[in-house]
Amino acid sequence: DRKKSLVSSMLLMLTALIWGVAFVAQSEGMNYVGGFTFNGSRFLVGGIVLLPYLLLTKKKKTGESAREREAQRARLKTGVIGGICCGLALCAASTLQQIGIQYTSVGKAGFITTLYIIIVPILGIFLKKRVPGKVWPCAVLAAIGMYLLCMSESLQIGKGDVLVFICAFLFAIQILLADHFVELADPVEISCIQFLTSGVILTILMFVFETPHWSDFVAAWLPIAYAGILSSGVAYTLQLIGQKGMDPTIASLLLSMESTFSVLAGWVILKQKLTVKELIGCVLMFTAVILVQLPGRSANRSS
């Protein structure tokens, strides 16, 4: 009904807000700790936050048949494999994003990352998935917007913009992996395992390439807590609740507001500003993101 739809929309908007502000947490966290330290900590926290939910929902039910227990074990095995695969992609994407955000603004990083919404259907070609015709003009529009957003006066793209753009490709791969496994296993289970997988790998890299001290963690506790508890654990749960029973097109449109919130958060909290040219680029990219998610004529007829 209308009331339920309104509540779901508000939950998804809150999710987008949390994710948008997370770019500020990432940027601020780098003032105290290295990229491997920050991401390793946030993902371990995110995985730990989801563990109580899994322990409560995975209690063995009395009266289960042998077939049901076997099916549960199969789903668990698939969830572990899916979580590890998604965790590897998430690890690579988040590392590039965390490094790139040091060399660009929070707003630009948020908009460039959101390009995964367009990259996903393009990559789907290689999986023999049908790509709607509207994707191509939207991709061109997004490319123009990205040019205006990232190109400097000397006609050079910043190092941070390139790293975040590569990260958008890796996030697209992570989304395709999740899309495959989420139909075969518990999505929260996959999320928890992907966070723990990524967190463990990044923690190992932290000790190899960085020299973290306890005082650094104490100084960065707020950005790490926000990115780990809110951006990972809470926001993901809100996304699951909000998307239940909602049209996926509307849901993805609301979640893509993450890019807009990242710009506003950078402006309000970090006092970062965009030039007129960069603002036009943001508008074009956001327009492309919206248009690529709108249903076509055939979808309207079927509905």
Protein backbone atom coordinates (compact mmCIF):
# COMPACT_ATOMS: atom_id res chain seq x y z
CA ASP A 1 0.00 0.00 0.00
CA ARG A 2 0.94 3.68 -0.16
CA LYS A 3 2.05 3.90 3.49
CA LYS A 4 4.34 0.88 3.16
CA SER A 5 5.79 2.27 -0.08
CA LEU A 6 6.49 5.60 1.62
CA VAL A 7 8.27 3.88 4.53
CA SER A 8 10.36 1.79 2.10
CA SER A 9 11.30 4.90 0.12
CA MET A 10 12.35 6.70 3.30
CA LEU A 11 14.51 3.73 4.35
CA LEU A 12 16.25 3.66 0.97
CA MET A 13 16.83 7.41 1.05
CA LEU A 14 18.32 7.01 4.53
CA THR A 15 20.58 4.26 3.15
CA ALA A 16 21.75 6.57 0.35
CA LEU A 17 22.36 9.34 2.90
CA ILE A 18 24.49 7.05 5.08
CA TRP A 19 26.52 5.87 2.07
CA GLY A 20 26.99 9.43 0.81
CA VAL A 21 28.29 10.70 4.15
CA ALA A 22 30.59 7.65 4.31
CA PHE A 23 32.78 9.35 1.68
CA VAL A 24 33.48 12.05 4.27
CA ALA A 25 34.36 9.38 6.84
CA GLN A 26 36.77 7.80 4.36
CA SER A 27 38.38 11.12 3.56
CA GLU A 28 38.74 12.06 7.23
CA GLY A 29 39.96 8.60 8.22
CA MET A 30 42.97 8.98 5.92
CA ASN A 31 44.18 11.86 8.12
CA TYR A 32 44.95 9.33 10.86
CA VAL A 33 45.56 5.92 9.30
CA GLY A 34 46.58 4.41 5.96
CA GLY A 35 44.15 3.05 3.38
CA PHE A 36 44.70 -0.63 4.25
CA THR A 37 44.31 0.12 7.96
CA PHE A 38 41.08 2.08 7.50
CA ASN A 39 39.37 -0.35 5.15
CA GLY A 40 40.58 -3.44 7.00
CA SER A 41 39.14 -2.05 10.23
CA ARG A 42 35.83 -0.88 8.73
CA PHE A 43 35.11 -4.20 7.00
CA LEU A 44 35.96 -6.28 10.06
CA VAL A 45 33.62 -4.07 12.09
CA GLY A 46 30.93 -4.39 9.38
CA GLY A 47 31.20 -8.18 9.37
CA ILE A 48 31.11 -8.40 13.17
CA VAL A 49 28.00 -6.17 13.26
CA LEU A 50 26.13 -8.65 11.03
CA LEU A 51 27.18 -11.75 12.99
CA PRO A 52 24.49 -11.44 15.72
CA TYR A 53 21.78 -11.32 13.05
CA LEU A 54 23.12 -14.50 11.43
CA LEU A 55 23.43 -16.30 14.77
CA LEU A 56 19.83 -15.42 15.65
CA THR A 57 18.38 -16.41 12.27
CA LYS A 58 20.46 -19.54 11.72
CA LYS A 59 19.32 -21.43 14.82
CA LYS A 60 18.45 -24.99 13.93
CA LYS A 61 14.70 -25.45 13.75
CA THR A 62 13.17 -28.50 15.39
CA GLY A 63 11.45 -30.97 13.13
CA GLU A 64 13.59 -30.28 10.07
CA SER A 65 13.90 -33.18 7.68
CA ALA A 66 17.22 -34.53 6.39
CA ARG A 67 16.47 -33.03 2.97
CA GLU A 68 15.90 -29.59 4.48
CA ARG A 69 19.16 -29.79 6.45
CA GLU A 70 21.02 -30.84 3.31
CA ALA A 71 19.52 -27.91 1.38
CA GLN A 72 20.60 -25.55 4.17
CA ARG A 73 24.16 -26.88 4.05
CA ALA A 74 24.22 -26.41 0.26
CA ARG A 75 23.00 -22.80 0.60
CA LEU A 76 25.59 -22.17 3.31
CA LYS A 77 28.38 -23.53 1.09
CA THR A 78 27.20 -21.35 -1.81
CA GLY A 79 26.97 -18.36 0.53
CA VAL A 80 30.55 -18.87 1.69
CA ILE A 81 31.84 -19.15 -1.89
CA GLY A 82 29.80 -16.14 -2.98
CA GLY A 83 30.91 -14.11 0.03
CA ILE A 84 34.59 -14.84 -0.65
CA CYS A 85 34.26 -13.92 -4.36
CA CYS A 86 32.41 -10.70 -3.53
CA GLY A 87 34.91 -9.98 -0.77
CA LEU A 88 37.86 -10.19 -3.16
CA ALA A 89 36.20 -7.73 -5.56
CA LEU A 90 35.17 -5.46 -2.69
CA CYS A 91 38.70 -5.53 -1.31
CA ALA A 92 40.23 -4.38 -4.61
CA ALA A 93 37.54 -1.76 -5.29
CA SER A 94 37.58 -0.22 -1.82
CA THR A 95 41.39 -0.06 -1.78
CA LEU A 96 41.50 1.91 -5.03
CA GLN A 97 38.66 4.14 -3.84
CA GLN A 98 40.37 4.81 -0.52
CA ILE A 99 43.67 5.71 -2.20
CA GLY A 100 41.98 7.76 -4.93
CA ILE A 101 39.91 9.81 -2.50
CA GLN A 102 43.17 11.29 -1.17
CA TYR A 103 43.74 13.00 -4.53
CA THR A 104 40.22 14.19 -5.38
CA SER A 105 37.23 15.72 -3.61
CA VAL A 106 34.54 13.76 -1.77
CA GLY A 107 31.85 14.95 -4.20
CA LYS A 108 33.78 13.96 -7.32
CA ALA A 109 34.61 10.56 -5.83
CA GLY A 110 30.94 9.98 -5.04
CA PHE A 111 29.76 10.79 -8.57
CA ILE A 112 32.50 8.82 -10.32
CA THR A 113 31.82 5.77 -8.13
CA THR A 114 28.11 5.95 -9.02
CA LEU A 115 29.03 5.21 -12.64
CA TYR A 116 28.90 1.51 -11.70
CA ILE A 117 25.14 1.75 -12.34
CA ILE A 118 25.91 2.29 -16.05
CA ILE A 119 28.97 0.02 -16.15
CA VAL A 120 27.01 -2.98 -14.81
CA PRO A 121 24.71 -3.43 -17.86
CA ILE A 122 27.65 -2.84 -20.22
CA LEU A 123 29.68 -5.56 -18.53
CA GLY A 124 26.57 -7.74 -18.71
CA ILE A 125 27.20 -8.04 -22.47
CA PHE A 126 30.07 -10.41 -21.73
CA LEU A 127 27.67 -12.54 -19.69
CA LYS A 128 25.32 -12.61 -22.69
CA LYS A 129 22.76 -10.43 -20.95
CA ARG A 130 20.58 -8.13 -23.02
CA VAL A 131 21.60 -4.48 -22.79
CA PRO A 132 18.75 -1.96 -23.27
CA GLY A 133 19.37 0.54 -26.07
CA LYS A 134 19.03 3.48 -23.67
CA VAL A 135 22.27 2.45 -21.93
CA TRP A 136 24.44 3.70 -24.81
CA PRO A 137 23.25 7.35 -24.97
CA CYS A 138 23.32 7.39 -21.16
CA ALA A 139 26.91 6.15 -21.22
CA VAL A 140 27.84 8.95 -23.65
CA LEU A 141 26.09 11.52 -21.44
CA ALA A 142 27.90 10.17 -18.38
CA ALA A 143 31.24 10.29 -20.21
CA ILE A 144 30.67 13.97 -21.08
CA GLY A 145 29.73 14.67 -17.47
CA MET A 146 32.80 12.86 -16.21
CA TYR A 147 34.98 14.88 -18.60
CA LEU A 148 33.61 18.16 -17.20
CA LEU A 149 33.89 16.89 -13.64
CA CYS A 150 37.41 15.50 -13.80
CA MET A 151 39.32 17.32 -16.56
CA SER A 152 41.56 20.09 -15.24
CA GLU A 153 42.46 23.37 -16.95
CA SER A 154 45.62 21.72 -18.31
CA LEU A 155 43.50 18.99 -19.96
CA GLN A 156 44.75 16.35 -17.53
CA ILE A 157 42.67 13.93 -15.50
CA GLY A 158 43.70 13.76 -11.86
CA LYS A 159 45.29 10.60 -10.49
CA GLY A 160 42.55 10.30 -7.89
CA ASP A 161 39.81 10.47 -10.54
CA VAL A 162 41.43 7.64 -12.53
CA LEU A 163 41.75 5.42 -9.45
CA VAL A 164 38.11 6.02 -8.44
CA PHE A 165 36.97 5.32 -12.02
CA ILE A 166 38.79 1.95 -11.98
CA CYS A 167 37.19 1.34 -8.60
CA ALA A 168 33.75 1.89 -10.21
CA PHE A 169 34.53 -0.97 -12.65
CA LEU A 170 35.52 -3.23 -9.76
CA PHE A 171 32.35 -2.33 -7.86
CA ALA A 172 30.39 -3.25 -11.00
CA ILE A 173 32.08 -6.67 -11.00
CA GLN A 174 31.24 -7.05 -7.32
CA ILE A 175 27.59 -6.21 -8.06
CA LEU A 176 27.43 -8.80 -10.86
CA LEU A 177 28.92 -11.42 -8.54
CA ALA A 178 26.43 -10.53 -5.83
CA ASP A 179 23.57 -10.62 -8.38
CA HIS A 180 24.55 -14.20 -9.23
CA PHE A 181 24.99 -15.53 -5.69
CA VAL A 182 22.20 -13.64 -3.92
CA GLU A 183 19.57 -15.84 -5.61
CA LEU A 184 21.31 -18.97 -4.32
CA ALA A 185 22.07 -18.04 -0.70
CA ASP A 186 21.17 -15.68 2.15
CA PRO A 187 22.18 -12.13 1.08
CA VAL A 188 23.04 -11.06 4.65
CA GLU A 189 25.21 -14.15 4.98
CA ILE A 190 27.01 -13.27 1.74
CA SER A 191 27.45 -9.69 2.92
CA CYS A 192 28.89 -10.74 6.28
CA ILE A 193 31.37 -13.14 4.67
CA GLN A 194 32.42 -10.61 2.04
CA PHE A 195 33.10 -8.02 4.76
CA LEU A 196 35.13 -10.48 6.83
CA THR A 197 37.03 -11.74 3.75
CA SER A 198 37.92 -8.24 2.65
CA GLY A 199 38.73 -7.21 6.21
CA VAL A 200 41.13 -10.11 6.80
CA ILE A 201 42.97 -9.54 3.49
CA LEU A 202 43.33 -5.80 4.11
CA THR A 203 44.48 -6.38 7.68
CA ILE A 204 47.28 -8.61 6.38
CA LEU A 205 48.23 -5.92 3.84
CA MET A 206 48.08 -3.37 6.65
CA PHE A 207 50.86 -5.13 8.55
CA VAL A 208 52.89 -5.60 5.36
CA PHE A 209 52.73 -2.04 3.97
CA GLU A 210 51.78 0.14 6.94
CA THR A 211 52.82 0.59 10.55
CA PRO A 212 49.61 1.27 12.47
CA HIS A 213 49.72 2.27 16.12
CA TRP A 214 46.98 1.97 18.70
CA SER A 215 46.92 5.75 19.06
CA ASP A 216 46.07 6.00 15.33
CA PHE A 217 43.02 3.77 15.79
CA VAL A 218 41.93 5.84 18.77
CA ALA A 219 42.24 9.03 16.72
CA ALA A 220 40.30 7.52 13.78
CA TRP A 221 37.67 5.69 15.82
CA LEU A 222 34.75 7.85 14.67
CA PRO A 223 35.32 7.56 10.87
CA ILE A 224 36.04 3.81 11.27
CA ALA A 225 32.93 3.29 13.41
CA TYR A 226 30.74 5.22 10.98
CA ALA A 227 32.06 3.39 7.91
CA GLY A 228 31.94 0.00 9.63
CA ILE A 229 28.75 0.10 11.70
CA LEU A 230 26.53 2.52 9.80
CA SER A 231 27.77 2.34 6.19
CA SER A 232 28.28 -1.44 6.18
CA GLY A 233 26.11 -3.11 8.82
CA VAL A 234 23.17 -0.74 9.34
CA ALA A 235 22.86 0.64 5.80
CA TYR A 236 22.93 -2.83 4.24
CA THR A 237 20.16 -4.01 6.56
CA LEU A 238 18.08 -0.91 5.76
CA GLN A 239 18.60 -1.59 2.05
CA LEU A 240 17.27 -5.15 2.43
CA ILE A 241 14.20 -3.99 4.35
CA GLY A 242 13.54 -1.06 2.01
CA GLN A 243 13.87 -3.06 -1.21
CA LYS A 244 11.48 -5.78 -0.07
CA GLY A 245 8.39 -5.52 -2.24
CA MET A 246 9.57 -2.34 -3.99
CA ASP A 247 10.06 -1.92 -7.72
CA PRO A 248 13.82 -2.42 -8.32
CA THR A 249 13.94 0.54 -10.73
CA ILE A 250 12.62 2.92 -8.09
CA ALA A 251 14.85 1.34 -5.44
CA SER A 252 18.04 1.75 -7.48
CA LEU A 253 17.04 5.32 -8.36
CA LEU A 254 16.69 6.20 -4.67
CA LEU A 255 19.98 4.50 -3.78
CA SER A 256 21.81 6.39 -6.54
CA MET A 257 21.13 9.57 -4.55
CA GLU A 258 24.28 8.50 -2.69
CA SER A 259 26.29 10.58 -5.17
CA THR A 260 24.29 13.74 -4.47
CA PHE A 261 24.56 13.25 -0.72
CA SER A 262 28.34 12.81 -1.04
CA VAL A 263 28.60 16.24 -2.68
CA LEU A 264 26.39 17.85 -0.02
CA ALA A 265 28.32 16.13 2.77
CA GLY A 266 31.64 17.30 1.35
CA TRP A 267 30.27 20.84 1.10
CA VAL A 268 28.67 20.98 4.57
CA ILE A 269 31.19 19.01 6.63
CA LEU A 270 34.52 19.46 4.81
CA LYS A 271 33.74 22.85 3.19
CA GLN A 272 34.73 21.43 -0.23
CA LYS A 273 33.39 23.32 -3.24
CA LEU A 274 32.87 22.48 -6.90
CA THR A 275 33.34 24.86 -9.82
CA VAL A 276 30.49 25.63 -12.22
CA LYS A 277 32.05 23.28 -14.79
CA GLU A 278 32.28 20.49 -12.23
CA LEU A 279 28.67 21.09 -11.10
CA ILE A 280 27.49 20.80 -14.73
CA GLY A 281 29.43 17.54 -14.95
CA CYS A 282 27.70 16.27 -11.80
CA VAL A 283 24.28 17.17 -13.24
CA LEU A 284 25.00 15.36 -16.52
CA MET A 285 26.29 12.25 -14.75
CA PHE A 286 23.35 12.18 -12.35
CA THR A 287 20.93 12.65 -15.27
CA ALA A 288 22.55 9.68 -17.04
CA VAL A 289 22.24 7.57 -13.89
CA ILE A 290 18.53 8.45 -13.58
CA LEU A 291 17.71 7.89 -17.28
CA VAL A 292 19.43 4.50 -17.43
CA GLN A 293 17.17 3.24 -14.63
CA LEU A 294 13.84 4.49 -15.98
CA PRO A 295 11.63 1.77 -17.47
CA GLY A 296 11.23 1.70 -21.23
CA ARG A 297 7.99 1.65 -23.20
CA SER A 298 7.75 -2.10 -23.21
CA ALA A 299 8.15 -2.15 -19.43
CA ASN A 300 5.37 0.42 -19.10
CA ARG A 301 3.04 -1.64 -21.30
CA SER A 302 3.66 -4.84 -19.37
CA SER A 303 3.06 -3.07 -16.07
